[in-house]
N, C-alpha and C. Protein backbone atom coordinates (compact mmCIF):
# COMPACT_ATOMS: atom_id res chain seq x y z
N UNK A 1 -94.32 25.05 75.46
CA UNK A 1 -95.19 24.26 76.30
C UNK A 1 -95.17 24.84 77.71
N UNK A 2 -96.30 25.28 78.20
CA UNK A 2 -96.39 25.84 79.54
C UNK A 2 -96.57 24.73 80.55
N UNK A 3 -95.71 24.69 81.51
CA UNK A 3 -95.80 23.67 82.56
C UNK A 3 -95.60 24.34 83.91
N UNK A 4 -96.02 23.68 84.94
CA UNK A 4 -95.84 24.20 86.28
C UNK A 4 -94.59 23.61 86.92
N UNK A 5 -94.39 22.29 86.76
CA UNK A 5 -93.22 21.64 87.36
C UNK A 5 -92.58 20.69 86.36
N UNK A 6 -91.32 20.93 86.11
CA UNK A 6 -90.52 20.07 85.23
C UNK A 6 -89.68 19.17 86.12
N UNK A 7 -89.69 17.88 85.85
CA UNK A 7 -88.81 16.96 86.56
C UNK A 7 -87.74 16.51 85.58
N UNK A 8 -86.48 16.73 85.95
CA UNK A 8 -85.36 16.40 85.08
C UNK A 8 -84.62 15.20 85.65
N UNK A 9 -84.58 14.11 84.88
CA UNK A 9 -83.81 12.93 85.29
C UNK A 9 -82.35 13.23 84.95
N UNK A 10 -81.48 13.15 85.95
CA UNK A 10 -80.09 13.56 85.75
C UNK A 10 -79.14 12.51 86.31
N UNK A 11 -78.21 12.05 85.45
CA UNK A 11 -77.23 11.05 85.89
C UNK A 11 -75.78 11.51 85.70
N UNK A 12 -75.60 12.76 85.33
CA UNK A 12 -74.25 13.30 85.20
C UNK A 12 -73.63 13.13 83.83
N UNK A 13 -74.29 12.43 82.91
CA UNK A 13 -73.73 12.22 81.58
C UNK A 13 -73.90 13.47 80.72
N UNK A 14 -73.15 13.52 79.63
CA UNK A 14 -73.29 14.62 78.69
C UNK A 14 -74.71 14.69 78.14
N UNK A 15 -75.33 13.53 77.93
CA UNK A 15 -76.70 13.51 77.42
C UNK A 15 -77.68 14.12 78.42
N UNK A 16 -77.46 13.92 79.70
CA UNK A 16 -78.32 14.51 80.73
C UNK A 16 -78.11 16.02 80.78
N UNK A 17 -76.88 16.45 80.62
CA UNK A 17 -76.59 17.89 80.60
C UNK A 17 -77.27 18.54 79.40
N UNK A 18 -77.22 17.87 78.27
CA UNK A 18 -77.88 18.37 77.06
C UNK A 18 -79.39 18.46 77.27
N UNK A 19 -79.97 17.51 77.98
CA UNK A 19 -81.40 17.53 78.25
C UNK A 19 -81.79 18.76 79.06
N UNK A 20 -80.97 19.15 80.02
CA UNK A 20 -81.24 20.36 80.81
C UNK A 20 -81.26 21.58 79.89
N UNK A 21 -80.28 21.68 79.01
CA UNK A 21 -80.22 22.81 78.07
C UNK A 21 -81.48 22.90 77.22
N UNK A 22 -81.92 21.78 76.67
CA UNK A 22 -83.10 21.78 75.82
C UNK A 22 -84.37 22.04 76.61
N UNK A 23 -84.45 21.55 77.83
CA UNK A 23 -85.62 21.82 78.66
C UNK A 23 -85.73 23.33 78.90
N UNK A 24 -84.62 23.98 79.16
CA UNK A 24 -84.63 25.42 79.39
C UNK A 24 -85.04 26.18 78.13
N UNK A 25 -84.68 25.65 76.97
CA UNK A 25 -85.03 26.31 75.71
C UNK A 25 -86.51 26.19 75.37
N UNK A 26 -87.08 25.00 75.60
CA UNK A 26 -88.40 24.70 75.08
C UNK A 26 -89.54 24.73 76.09
N UNK A 27 -89.24 24.69 77.36
CA UNK A 27 -90.29 24.66 78.37
C UNK A 27 -90.34 26.01 79.09
N UNK A 28 -91.54 26.50 79.33
CA UNK A 28 -91.67 27.83 79.94
C UNK A 28 -91.68 27.81 81.46
N UNK A 29 -91.71 26.64 82.05
CA UNK A 29 -91.71 26.55 83.51
C UNK A 29 -90.41 27.10 84.08
N UNK A 30 -90.54 27.69 85.24
CA UNK A 30 -89.34 28.15 85.94
C UNK A 30 -89.05 27.25 87.13
N UNK A 31 -89.94 26.29 87.41
CA UNK A 31 -89.75 25.37 88.52
C UNK A 31 -89.29 24.02 88.00
N UNK A 32 -88.24 23.50 88.62
CA UNK A 32 -87.74 22.19 88.23
C UNK A 32 -87.23 21.44 89.45
N UNK A 33 -87.39 20.12 89.39
CA UNK A 33 -86.77 19.25 90.37
C UNK A 33 -85.87 18.31 89.59
N UNK A 34 -84.60 18.30 89.95
CA UNK A 34 -83.62 17.42 89.33
C UNK A 34 -83.57 16.15 90.16
N UNK A 35 -83.82 15.01 89.50
CA UNK A 35 -83.88 13.73 90.22
C UNK A 35 -82.74 12.83 89.73
N UNK A 36 -82.01 12.30 90.68
CA UNK A 36 -80.95 11.34 90.40
C UNK A 36 -81.31 10.02 91.07
N UNK A 37 -81.44 8.97 90.26
CA UNK A 37 -81.73 7.64 90.80
C UNK A 37 -80.43 7.02 91.31
N UNK A 38 -80.53 6.31 92.42
CA UNK A 38 -79.36 5.63 92.98
C UNK A 38 -79.79 4.28 93.55
N UNK A 39 -78.83 3.37 93.58
CA UNK A 39 -79.08 2.03 94.11
C UNK A 39 -78.11 1.77 95.26
N UNK A 40 -78.61 1.36 96.44
CA UNK A 40 -77.72 1.08 97.58
C UNK A 40 -76.64 0.06 97.22
N UNK A 41 -75.49 0.22 97.80
CA UNK A 41 -74.35 -0.66 97.51
C UNK A 41 -74.66 -2.12 97.82
N UNK A 42 -75.42 -2.38 98.88
CA UNK A 42 -75.76 -3.75 99.23
C UNK A 42 -76.53 -4.41 98.08
N UNK A 43 -77.48 -3.66 97.49
CA UNK A 43 -78.25 -4.21 96.38
C UNK A 43 -77.39 -4.36 95.13
N UNK A 44 -76.50 -3.40 94.90
CA UNK A 44 -75.58 -3.52 93.76
C UNK A 44 -74.71 -4.76 93.89
N UNK A 45 -74.18 -4.99 95.09
CA UNK A 45 -73.32 -6.15 95.31
C UNK A 45 -74.10 -7.45 95.12
N UNK A 46 -75.33 -7.48 95.61
CA UNK A 46 -76.15 -8.69 95.46
C UNK A 46 -76.47 -8.95 93.99
N UNK A 47 -76.79 -7.88 93.26
CA UNK A 47 -77.10 -8.04 91.83
C UNK A 47 -75.88 -8.52 91.06
N UNK A 48 -74.73 -7.93 91.34
CA UNK A 48 -73.50 -8.31 90.64
C UNK A 48 -73.08 -9.75 90.98
N UNK A 49 -73.20 -10.12 92.24
CA UNK A 49 -72.81 -11.49 92.60
C UNK A 49 -73.78 -12.49 91.99
N UNK A 50 -75.05 -12.12 91.90
CA UNK A 50 -76.04 -12.99 91.27
C UNK A 50 -75.79 -13.16 89.79
N UNK A 51 -75.39 -12.09 89.12
CA UNK A 51 -75.10 -12.15 87.68
C UNK A 51 -73.85 -12.97 87.40
N UNK A 52 -72.88 -12.88 88.31
CA UNK A 52 -71.61 -13.56 88.07
C UNK A 52 -71.62 -15.01 88.55
N UNK A 53 -72.60 -15.37 89.38
CA UNK A 53 -72.65 -16.73 89.92
C UNK A 53 -71.77 -16.90 91.15
N UNK A 54 -71.17 -15.83 91.62
CA UNK A 54 -70.31 -15.88 92.79
C UNK A 54 -71.17 -15.66 94.03
N UNK A 55 -70.87 -16.36 95.09
CA UNK A 55 -71.62 -16.18 96.32
C UNK A 55 -71.39 -14.78 96.86
N UNK A 56 -72.45 -14.21 97.41
CA UNK A 56 -72.35 -12.88 97.98
C UNK A 56 -71.61 -12.97 99.31
N UNK A 57 -70.62 -12.10 99.52
CA UNK A 57 -69.90 -12.12 100.79
C UNK A 57 -70.78 -11.64 101.94
N UNK A 58 -70.42 -12.07 103.12
CA UNK A 58 -71.11 -11.59 104.32
C UNK A 58 -70.61 -10.18 104.59
N UNK A 59 -71.33 -9.21 104.08
CA UNK A 59 -70.91 -7.82 104.21
C UNK A 59 -72.12 -6.96 104.44
N UNK A 60 -71.99 -6.03 105.35
CA UNK A 60 -73.05 -5.06 105.59
C UNK A 60 -72.38 -3.72 105.90
N UNK A 61 -72.97 -2.64 105.42
CA UNK A 61 -72.39 -1.32 105.69
C UNK A 61 -72.51 -0.98 107.17
N UNK A 62 -71.66 -0.08 107.61
CA UNK A 62 -71.74 0.39 108.99
C UNK A 62 -73.08 1.08 109.18
N UNK A 63 -73.70 0.83 110.31
CA UNK A 63 -75.05 1.34 110.56
C UNK A 63 -75.13 2.86 110.48
N UNK A 64 -74.12 3.56 110.94
CA UNK A 64 -74.17 5.01 111.02
C UNK A 64 -73.63 5.68 109.76
N UNK A 65 -72.94 4.95 108.92
CA UNK A 65 -72.32 5.55 107.74
C UNK A 65 -73.35 5.67 106.62
N UNK A 66 -73.25 6.78 105.87
CA UNK A 66 -74.12 6.95 104.70
C UNK A 66 -73.61 6.06 103.58
N UNK A 67 -74.50 5.46 102.86
CA UNK A 67 -74.16 4.61 101.72
C UNK A 67 -73.36 5.42 100.71
N UNK A 68 -72.23 4.88 100.28
CA UNK A 68 -71.36 5.58 99.33
C UNK A 68 -72.09 5.88 98.02
N UNK A 69 -73.01 5.01 97.63
CA UNK A 69 -73.78 5.25 96.40
C UNK A 69 -74.68 6.47 96.57
N UNK A 70 -75.25 6.66 97.76
CA UNK A 70 -76.07 7.84 98.02
C UNK A 70 -75.20 9.10 98.04
N UNK A 71 -74.04 9.00 98.65
CA UNK A 71 -73.11 10.13 98.67
C UNK A 71 -72.77 10.56 97.24
N UNK A 72 -72.44 9.59 96.40
CA UNK A 72 -72.14 9.89 94.99
C UNK A 72 -73.35 10.48 94.27
N UNK A 73 -74.53 9.92 94.53
CA UNK A 73 -75.75 10.41 93.88
C UNK A 73 -76.02 11.86 94.28
N UNK A 74 -75.78 12.20 95.54
CA UNK A 74 -75.99 13.58 95.99
C UNK A 74 -75.06 14.54 95.27
N UNK A 75 -73.81 14.11 95.05
CA UNK A 75 -72.85 14.95 94.33
C UNK A 75 -73.30 15.16 92.88
N UNK A 76 -73.68 14.09 92.22
CA UNK A 76 -74.17 14.16 90.84
C UNK A 76 -75.42 15.02 90.78
N UNK A 77 -76.33 14.83 91.71
CA UNK A 77 -77.58 15.58 91.73
C UNK A 77 -77.31 17.08 91.91
N UNK A 78 -76.39 17.43 92.79
CA UNK A 78 -76.10 18.84 93.01
C UNK A 78 -75.54 19.48 91.73
N UNK A 79 -74.73 18.73 91.00
CA UNK A 79 -74.23 19.23 89.72
C UNK A 79 -75.40 19.53 88.78
N UNK A 80 -76.38 18.63 88.73
CA UNK A 80 -77.56 18.83 87.89
C UNK A 80 -78.38 20.04 88.34
N UNK A 81 -78.54 20.20 89.64
CA UNK A 81 -79.27 21.36 90.17
C UNK A 81 -78.55 22.65 89.77
N UNK A 82 -77.24 22.66 89.91
CA UNK A 82 -76.46 23.85 89.53
C UNK A 82 -76.62 24.17 88.04
N UNK A 83 -76.59 23.13 87.19
CA UNK A 83 -76.77 23.34 85.75
C UNK A 83 -78.18 23.85 85.44
N UNK A 84 -79.18 23.29 86.12
CA UNK A 84 -80.56 23.73 85.90
C UNK A 84 -80.74 25.19 86.33
N UNK A 85 -80.15 25.56 87.43
CA UNK A 85 -80.24 26.96 87.88
C UNK A 85 -79.54 27.88 86.89
N UNK A 86 -78.37 27.46 86.42
CA UNK A 86 -77.65 28.27 85.42
C UNK A 86 -78.45 28.41 84.13
N UNK A 87 -79.28 27.43 83.83
CA UNK A 87 -80.11 27.46 82.62
C UNK A 87 -81.38 28.29 82.82
N UNK A 88 -81.63 28.75 84.06
CA UNK A 88 -82.77 29.62 84.31
C UNK A 88 -83.89 29.02 85.14
N UNK A 89 -83.74 27.78 85.57
CA UNK A 89 -84.77 27.15 86.39
C UNK A 89 -84.60 27.52 87.87
N UNK A 90 -85.71 27.61 88.57
CA UNK A 90 -85.72 27.63 90.03
C UNK A 90 -85.71 26.16 90.42
N UNK A 91 -84.53 25.61 90.65
CA UNK A 91 -84.38 24.16 90.76
C UNK A 91 -84.05 23.69 92.17
N UNK A 92 -84.61 22.54 92.49
CA UNK A 92 -84.28 21.80 93.71
C UNK A 92 -83.82 20.42 93.29
N UNK A 93 -83.20 19.70 94.21
CA UNK A 93 -82.70 18.36 93.89
C UNK A 93 -83.34 17.30 94.75
N UNK A 94 -83.25 16.08 94.23
CA UNK A 94 -83.80 14.94 94.95
C UNK A 94 -83.09 13.67 94.47
N UNK A 95 -82.75 12.81 95.40
CA UNK A 95 -82.19 11.50 95.05
C UNK A 95 -83.28 10.46 95.29
N UNK A 96 -83.54 9.65 94.26
CA UNK A 96 -84.60 8.63 94.34
C UNK A 96 -83.95 7.26 94.41
N UNK A 97 -84.23 6.54 95.49
CA UNK A 97 -83.66 5.20 95.64
C UNK A 97 -84.28 4.24 94.64
N UNK A 98 -83.42 3.52 93.95
CA UNK A 98 -83.84 2.54 92.95
C UNK A 98 -84.05 1.21 93.67
N UNK A 99 -85.33 0.80 93.77
CA UNK A 99 -85.65 -0.46 94.43
C UNK A 99 -85.80 -1.60 93.43
N UNK A 100 -86.16 -1.27 92.19
CA UNK A 100 -86.31 -2.30 91.16
C UNK A 100 -85.52 -1.90 89.90
N UNK A 101 -85.97 -0.85 89.24
CA UNK A 101 -85.31 -0.39 88.02
C UNK A 101 -85.14 1.12 88.08
N UNK A 102 -84.22 1.63 87.28
CA UNK A 102 -83.99 3.08 87.25
C UNK A 102 -85.24 3.79 86.73
N UNK A 103 -85.83 3.26 85.66
CA UNK A 103 -87.00 3.92 85.10
C UNK A 103 -88.14 3.97 86.12
N UNK A 104 -88.27 2.93 86.94
CA UNK A 104 -89.31 2.91 87.95
C UNK A 104 -89.06 3.97 89.02
N UNK A 105 -87.80 4.15 89.40
CA UNK A 105 -87.46 5.19 90.38
C UNK A 105 -87.81 6.57 89.82
N UNK A 106 -87.55 6.78 88.53
CA UNK A 106 -87.83 8.07 87.90
C UNK A 106 -89.34 8.30 87.80
N UNK A 107 -90.08 7.32 87.32
CA UNK A 107 -91.53 7.52 87.17
C UNK A 107 -92.21 7.63 88.53
N UNK A 108 -91.73 6.91 89.52
CA UNK A 108 -92.29 7.03 90.87
C UNK A 108 -92.04 8.42 91.45
N UNK A 109 -90.83 8.94 91.23
CA UNK A 109 -90.53 10.29 91.70
C UNK A 109 -91.42 11.31 91.00
N UNK A 110 -91.65 11.14 89.69
CA UNK A 110 -92.53 12.05 88.95
C UNK A 110 -93.95 11.99 89.51
N UNK A 111 -94.41 10.79 89.86
CA UNK A 111 -95.74 10.65 90.45
C UNK A 111 -95.81 11.34 91.82
N UNK A 112 -94.80 11.14 92.64
CA UNK A 112 -94.78 11.77 93.97
C UNK A 112 -94.77 13.29 93.86
N UNK A 113 -94.02 13.80 92.89
CA UNK A 113 -93.92 15.25 92.70
C UNK A 113 -95.11 15.81 91.91
N UNK A 114 -95.88 14.94 91.29
CA UNK A 114 -96.94 15.33 90.36
C UNK A 114 -96.38 16.25 89.28
N UNK A 115 -95.26 15.82 88.71
CA UNK A 115 -94.58 16.60 87.67
C UNK A 115 -95.45 16.69 86.43
N UNK A 116 -95.41 17.84 85.77
CA UNK A 116 -96.17 18.03 84.54
C UNK A 116 -95.47 17.41 83.35
N UNK A 117 -94.16 17.32 83.40
CA UNK A 117 -93.38 16.74 82.31
C UNK A 117 -92.08 16.18 82.89
N UNK A 118 -91.61 15.08 82.33
CA UNK A 118 -90.33 14.48 82.69
C UNK A 118 -89.37 14.79 81.56
N UNK A 119 -88.18 15.23 81.88
CA UNK A 119 -87.13 15.50 80.89
C UNK A 119 -86.03 14.47 81.09
N UNK A 120 -85.60 13.87 79.99
CA UNK A 120 -84.56 12.85 80.06
C UNK A 120 -83.69 12.90 78.81
N UNK A 121 -82.42 12.70 78.99
CA UNK A 121 -81.53 12.49 77.86
C UNK A 121 -81.56 11.02 77.49
N UNK A 122 -81.00 10.71 76.35
CA UNK A 122 -80.91 9.32 75.92
C UNK A 122 -79.60 9.10 75.19
N UNK A 123 -79.17 7.86 75.17
CA UNK A 123 -77.92 7.53 74.46
C UNK A 123 -78.14 7.45 72.97
N UNK A 124 -79.37 7.32 72.53
CA UNK A 124 -79.67 7.28 71.11
C UNK A 124 -79.20 6.00 70.43
N UNK A 125 -79.31 4.88 71.12
CA UNK A 125 -78.89 3.61 70.52
C UNK A 125 -79.81 3.24 69.36
N UNK A 126 -79.23 2.62 68.36
CA UNK A 126 -80.01 2.17 67.21
C UNK A 126 -79.61 0.75 66.86
N UNK A 127 -80.38 0.14 65.96
CA UNK A 127 -80.05 -1.18 65.45
C UNK A 127 -80.06 -2.24 66.52
N UNK A 128 -79.12 -3.17 66.41
CA UNK A 128 -79.05 -4.32 67.31
C UNK A 128 -78.78 -3.88 68.76
N UNK A 129 -77.99 -2.82 68.93
CA UNK A 129 -77.71 -2.34 70.29
C UNK A 129 -78.99 -1.89 70.98
N UNK A 130 -79.89 -1.25 70.23
CA UNK A 130 -81.16 -0.81 70.81
C UNK A 130 -82.02 -2.01 71.19
N UNK A 131 -81.95 -3.08 70.42
CA UNK A 131 -82.72 -4.28 70.74
C UNK A 131 -82.19 -4.98 71.98
N UNK A 132 -80.88 -4.97 72.15
CA UNK A 132 -80.25 -5.66 73.27
C UNK A 132 -80.27 -4.85 74.56
N UNK A 133 -80.23 -3.53 74.44
CA UNK A 133 -80.16 -2.67 75.62
C UNK A 133 -81.32 -1.69 75.61
N UNK A 134 -82.34 -1.95 76.38
CA UNK A 134 -83.47 -1.04 76.46
C UNK A 134 -83.03 0.22 77.20
N UNK A 135 -83.39 1.35 76.68
CA UNK A 135 -83.00 2.61 77.29
C UNK A 135 -83.95 2.98 78.43
N UNK A 136 -83.40 3.66 79.42
CA UNK A 136 -84.21 4.16 80.53
C UNK A 136 -85.26 5.12 79.98
N UNK A 137 -84.87 5.98 79.05
CA UNK A 137 -85.82 6.94 78.48
C UNK A 137 -86.97 6.22 77.78
N UNK A 138 -86.69 5.14 77.08
CA UNK A 138 -87.75 4.36 76.42
C UNK A 138 -88.75 3.83 77.45
N UNK A 139 -88.24 3.31 78.55
CA UNK A 139 -89.10 2.75 79.59
C UNK A 139 -89.91 3.84 80.29
N UNK A 140 -89.29 5.01 80.49
CA UNK A 140 -90.02 6.14 81.09
C UNK A 140 -91.17 6.54 80.16
N UNK A 141 -90.91 6.57 78.85
CA UNK A 141 -91.96 6.88 77.88
C UNK A 141 -93.11 5.87 77.97
N UNK A 142 -92.77 4.60 78.08
CA UNK A 142 -93.78 3.54 78.10
C UNK A 142 -94.58 3.49 79.40
N UNK A 143 -93.94 3.83 80.52
CA UNK A 143 -94.56 3.61 81.82
C UNK A 143 -94.83 4.89 82.62
N UNK A 144 -94.45 6.05 82.11
CA UNK A 144 -94.50 7.28 82.89
C UNK A 144 -95.85 7.92 83.07
N UNK A 145 -96.81 7.65 82.20
CA UNK A 145 -98.17 8.18 82.32
C UNK A 145 -98.23 9.70 82.36
N UNK A 146 -97.23 10.35 81.77
CA UNK A 146 -97.21 11.81 81.68
C UNK A 146 -96.30 12.19 80.52
N UNK A 147 -96.38 13.42 80.05
CA UNK A 147 -95.51 13.82 78.94
C UNK A 147 -94.03 13.66 79.29
N UNK A 148 -93.26 13.29 78.28
CA UNK A 148 -91.81 13.12 78.45
C UNK A 148 -91.10 13.83 77.30
N UNK A 149 -90.14 14.66 77.66
CA UNK A 149 -89.27 15.28 76.66
C UNK A 149 -87.98 14.49 76.66
N UNK A 150 -87.75 13.75 75.57
CA UNK A 150 -86.54 12.94 75.43
C UNK A 150 -85.59 13.69 74.50
N UNK A 151 -84.40 13.97 74.99
CA UNK A 151 -83.40 14.70 74.20
C UNK A 151 -82.32 13.74 73.75
N UNK A 152 -82.20 13.55 72.44
CA UNK A 152 -81.19 12.63 71.92
C UNK A 152 -79.79 13.23 72.02
N UNK A 153 -78.76 12.40 71.90
CA UNK A 153 -77.41 12.93 71.94
C UNK A 153 -77.15 13.81 70.72
N UNK A 154 -76.24 14.74 70.85
CA UNK A 154 -75.89 15.60 69.71
C UNK A 154 -74.97 14.87 68.75
N UNK A 155 -74.79 15.48 67.61
CA UNK A 155 -73.86 14.91 66.63
C UNK A 155 -72.44 15.17 67.10
N UNK A 156 -71.58 14.17 66.93
CA UNK A 156 -70.18 14.33 67.35
C UNK A 156 -69.40 15.14 66.36
C-alpha cells in the first residue's frame, strides 16, 4: 500500500511495538509521525475521584512545572520514534493531549496531520472481555474516517 504519511499510535506496549514492525513491512511510506496520547494529571485525578466517589482534593500543579503525564508521554513517544526510525521510517514524534477519549485524541491528530493511514496495535480481546472493554483500535476504526492498519497481538 503506497502512502505518503503514516501515523502510528504508540503507547509503549508490546502490541504498539509490534504495530511499528508490521507497518514497516507492509507500508511503502518512508514518512511517519508517532503519536502518543496523554491526559493531564489534573484530569486524571478528577476522573479517578469521580469514579471512586471521593471528593477531589484542592490540588493544582505548579504553574511553571511541566505536567508529569506529559513528561512521561514524551519519553514513551521518543521510544516509539526511535523504533520507527530503526524500522526504516523517517519519523517524527508528537504528543496529543487527550481531552475526552484516547481514540478521539488519535483521530484528531490524524486529521490535523492529514495522515493517509493510522497504524495501531490492539490487545486482541475476545468474548465477554471484548464486550466489557471497548478497544481504542476499535473506536479508531469506527470514527477515524481514514484507513487503519490494526495489528493484533502475536501468539505467546
